[in-house]
Amino acid sequence: MDAFNYLSVMVSLVLGLGMTQLFAGIGNMVQIRRRVTPYWLHSVWIALLIALHIQMWWSFWAMRAERDWTYGEFAFVLIGPATLCIASHAFLPELIDGTIDVRKHYYDARKVFFGMLIVAAAWGIVIEPLMGLRPLLIPFRLVQLAGIGLMVGCMLSSKPRVHVVSTLLIATMLAVGTVLTRYRLGQTGLE
């Protein structure tokens, strides 16, 4: 087994924990659906979180050519998956007795949730140059920075309109970015 295959197990485990958290949370909310007041924007972000986990795992394949891994490099690689896992946990409401207002939870958790996503997005910008995959200064970084700006807006604002517009833009950017830069395994595109 080469180093990449060995290390990819840990990346997969951490991302898998985040996905498990999301799927278990969905299942739990379905089980107690009579006590849950849903919020569509929360549901959209759950779907986006699933897509972000898949995107991050898929993107890890681009690091397969790295032969001389260091402990520090690998620890840094784990920051992205770890922040997504933590964001997923913080974003799901605690299933306590009584009615669960998902809209209230969404806005209560927004600072931690979007803060973690901002960390993951910033990590996504610097991981590729640090690992020698792509230079830091490429046009696609503007899209990534725009996404961070939208998430900062969501973190700081409790206005539903800000969240709706930002979420729709982020979803569009994620879909377009995935098609243009990660559609095929190992593809980096938009250099």
Protein backbone atom coordinates (compact mmCIF):
# COMPACT_ATOMS: atom_id res chain seq x y z
CA MET A 1 0.00 0.00 0.00
CA ASP A 2 1.41 3.39 -0.93
CA ALA A 3 1.32 6.47 1.30
CA PHE A 4 -1.62 8.09 -0.51
CA ASN A 5 -3.84 5.03 -0.10
CA TYR A 6 -2.85 4.73 3.54
CA LEU A 7 -3.54 8.40 4.32
CA SER A 8 -6.73 8.57 2.26
CA VAL A 9 -8.30 6.13 4.72
CA MET A 10 -8.17 8.76 7.48
CA VAL A 11 -9.53 11.49 5.18
CA SER A 12 -12.35 9.12 4.20
CA LEU A 13 -13.08 8.30 7.83
CA VAL A 14 -13.35 11.95 8.88
CA LEU A 15 -15.52 12.85 5.89
CA GLY A 16 -17.55 9.70 6.51
CA LEU A 17 -18.17 10.82 10.09
CA GLY A 18 -19.51 14.12 8.78
CA MET A 19 -21.77 12.35 6.28
CA THR A 20 -22.93 9.94 8.98
CA GLN A 21 -23.79 12.91 11.18
CA LEU A 22 -25.84 14.43 8.35
CA PHE A 23 -27.67 11.25 7.37
CA ALA A 24 -28.35 10.30 10.99
CA GLY A 25 -29.65 13.82 11.63
CA ILE A 26 -31.97 13.60 8.65
CA GLY A 27 -33.19 10.20 9.81
CA ASN A 28 -33.74 11.44 13.36
CA MET A 29 -35.71 14.46 12.18
CA VAL A 30 -37.85 12.20 9.98
CA GLN A 31 -38.53 9.92 12.96
CA ILE A 32 -39.78 12.79 15.11
CA ARG A 33 -41.25 14.80 12.21
CA ARG A 34 -44.43 15.59 14.15
CA ARG A 35 -42.36 17.55 16.67
CA VAL A 36 -40.13 19.27 14.09
CA THR A 37 -41.02 22.59 12.49
CA PRO A 38 -38.92 22.42 9.31
CA TYR A 39 -37.18 25.27 7.55
CA TRP A 40 -36.46 24.94 3.85
CA LEU A 41 -33.21 26.91 3.97
CA HIS A 42 -31.83 24.50 6.58
CA SER A 43 -32.77 21.60 4.27
CA VAL A 44 -30.94 23.25 1.36
CA TRP A 45 -27.82 23.63 3.49
CA ILE A 46 -28.01 19.98 4.56
CA ALA A 47 -27.97 19.07 0.85
CA LEU A 48 -25.09 21.50 0.26
CA LEU A 49 -23.16 19.99 3.17
CA ILE A 50 -23.55 16.53 1.65
CA ALA A 51 -22.32 17.92 -1.69
CA LEU A 52 -19.38 19.64 0.03
CA HIS A 53 -18.36 16.39 1.75
CA ILE A 54 -18.48 14.55 -1.57
CA GLN A 55 -16.59 17.38 -3.30
CA MET A 56 -13.84 17.36 -0.68
CA TRP A 57 -13.44 13.58 -0.80
CA TRP A 58 -13.46 13.61 -4.62
CA SER A 59 -10.89 16.42 -4.67
CA PHE A 60 -8.49 14.51 -2.44
CA TRP A 61 -7.70 12.26 -5.42
CA ALA A 62 -5.70 15.14 -6.94
CA MET A 63 -3.11 14.59 -4.17
CA ARG A 64 -2.36 11.03 -5.24
CA ALA A 65 0.92 12.03 -6.93
CA GLU A 66 2.38 13.30 -3.64
CA ARG A 67 5.02 10.75 -2.66
CA ASP A 68 6.88 12.41 0.19
CA TRP A 69 4.20 13.11 2.80
CA THR A 70 5.10 14.75 6.09
CA TYR A 71 3.17 14.63 9.31
CA GLY A 72 2.54 18.39 9.11
CA GLU A 73 1.21 18.18 5.54
CA PHE A 74 -1.16 15.41 6.45
CA ALA A 75 -2.35 17.18 9.61
CA PHE A 76 -3.03 20.25 7.47
CA VAL A 77 -4.92 18.11 4.92
CA LEU A 78 -7.20 16.91 7.73
CA ILE A 79 -8.27 20.46 8.66
CA GLY A 80 -10.73 20.66 5.76
CA PRO A 81 -12.53 17.38 6.46
CA ALA A 82 -12.53 18.09 10.20
CA THR A 83 -14.14 21.51 9.80
CA LEU A 84 -16.88 20.05 7.58
CA CYS A 85 -17.52 17.32 10.13
CA ILE A 86 -17.78 19.85 12.98
CA ALA A 87 -19.98 22.18 10.90
CA SER A 88 -22.31 19.27 10.17
CA HIS A 89 -22.62 18.43 13.84
CA ALA A 90 -23.23 22.06 14.87
CA PHE A 91 -25.80 22.60 12.14
CA LEU A 92 -28.14 19.81 13.14
CA PRO A 93 -30.53 20.70 15.96
CA GLU A 94 -30.38 18.80 19.20
CA LEU A 95 -33.34 16.45 19.34
CA ILE A 96 -34.78 17.29 22.73
CA ASP A 97 -38.25 16.86 24.14
CA GLY A 98 -40.86 19.24 22.85
CA THR A 99 -41.09 20.98 19.51
CA ILE A 100 -37.92 21.67 17.55
CA ASP A 101 -37.97 24.91 15.57
CA VAL A 102 -35.39 24.33 12.83
CA ARG A 103 -35.63 27.94 11.62
CA LYS A 104 -34.67 29.22 15.08
CA HIS A 105 -31.82 26.71 15.25
CA TYR A 106 -30.58 27.77 11.80
CA TYR A 107 -30.20 31.40 12.83
CA ASP A 108 -28.91 30.53 16.31
CA ALA A 109 -26.21 28.25 14.85
CA ARG A 110 -25.29 30.51 11.91
CA LYS A 111 -22.15 32.04 13.44
CA VAL A 112 -20.53 28.73 14.31
CA PHE A 113 -21.79 26.99 11.18
CA PHE A 114 -20.73 29.62 8.67
CA GLY A 115 -17.54 30.28 10.62
CA MET A 116 -16.56 26.63 10.18
CA LEU A 117 -17.47 26.75 6.49
CA ILE A 118 -15.33 29.87 6.06
CA VAL A 119 -12.38 28.02 7.62
CA ALA A 120 -12.99 25.08 5.26
CA ALA A 121 -13.24 27.39 2.24
CA ALA A 122 -10.05 29.28 3.17
CA TRP A 123 -8.34 25.91 3.66
CA GLY A 124 -9.58 24.92 0.18
CA ILE A 125 -7.91 27.99 -1.32
CA VAL A 126 -4.49 27.37 0.23
CA ILE A 127 -4.31 23.55 0.21
CA GLU A 128 -3.86 23.29 -3.55
CA PRO A 129 -0.89 25.70 -3.78
CA LEU A 130 0.72 24.19 -0.67
CA MET A 131 0.45 20.70 -2.12
CA GLY A 132 1.70 21.87 -5.53
CA LEU A 133 -1.57 21.13 -7.33
CA ARG A 134 -2.38 24.61 -8.68
CA PRO A 135 -0.95 28.08 -8.18
CA LEU A 136 -2.57 30.41 -5.67
CA LEU A 137 -3.28 33.11 -8.22
CA ILE A 138 -5.73 31.67 -10.73
CA PRO A 139 -9.07 33.10 -11.88
CA PHE A 140 -11.10 30.46 -10.01
CA ARG A 141 -9.86 31.88 -6.69
CA LEU A 142 -12.14 34.87 -7.31
CA VAL A 143 -15.14 32.53 -7.24
CA GLN A 144 -13.84 30.92 -4.04
CA LEU A 145 -13.33 34.34 -2.45
CA ALA A 146 -16.84 35.39 -3.51
CA GLY A 147 -18.17 32.27 -1.77
CA ILE A 148 -16.30 33.19 1.40
CA GLY A 149 -17.72 36.71 1.18
CA LEU A 150 -21.26 35.34 0.91
CA MET A 151 -20.68 33.07 3.90
CA VAL A 152 -19.30 35.98 5.94
CA GLY A 153 -22.54 37.81 5.12
CA CYS A 154 -24.56 34.83 6.34
CA MET A 155 -22.48 34.55 9.49
CA LEU A 156 -22.96 38.21 10.38
CA SER A 157 -26.56 38.72 9.28
CA SER A 158 -29.78 37.26 10.64
CA LYS A 159 -31.82 38.67 7.75
CA PRO A 160 -33.54 35.85 5.83
CA ARG A 161 -33.13 37.68 2.51
CA VAL A 162 -29.33 37.71 2.91
CA HIS A 163 -29.38 33.96 3.60
CA VAL A 164 -31.70 33.12 0.71
CA VAL A 165 -29.74 35.10 -1.89
CA SER A 166 -26.36 33.93 -0.55
CA THR A 167 -27.44 30.29 -0.40
CA LEU A 168 -28.75 30.32 -3.96
CA LEU A 169 -25.54 31.95 -5.21
CA ILE A 170 -23.34 29.52 -3.26
CA ALA A 171 -25.33 26.53 -4.56
CA THR A 172 -24.93 27.81 -8.12
CA MET A 173 -21.20 28.43 -7.66
CA LEU A 174 -20.71 24.96 -6.17
CA ALA A 175 -22.58 23.27 -9.03
CA VAL A 176 -20.77 25.24 -11.75
CA GLY A 177 -17.39 24.91 -10.02
CA THR A 178 -17.82 21.17 -9.66
CA VAL A 179 -18.69 20.73 -13.32
CA LEU A 180 -15.84 22.96 -14.51
CA THR A 181 -13.08 21.90 -12.12
CA ARG A 182 -13.87 18.49 -10.66
CA TYR A 183 -16.21 16.69 -13.03
CA ARG A 184 -13.68 13.97 -13.79
CA LEU A 185 -11.58 12.30 -11.12
CA GLY A 186 -8.31 14.18 -10.77
CA GLN A 187 -9.44 17.12 -12.91
CA THR A 188 -8.43 20.54 -11.61
CA GLY A 189 -9.46 22.78 -14.54
CA LEU A 190 -9.67 26.58 -14.76
CA GLU A 191 -5.96 27.05 -14.24
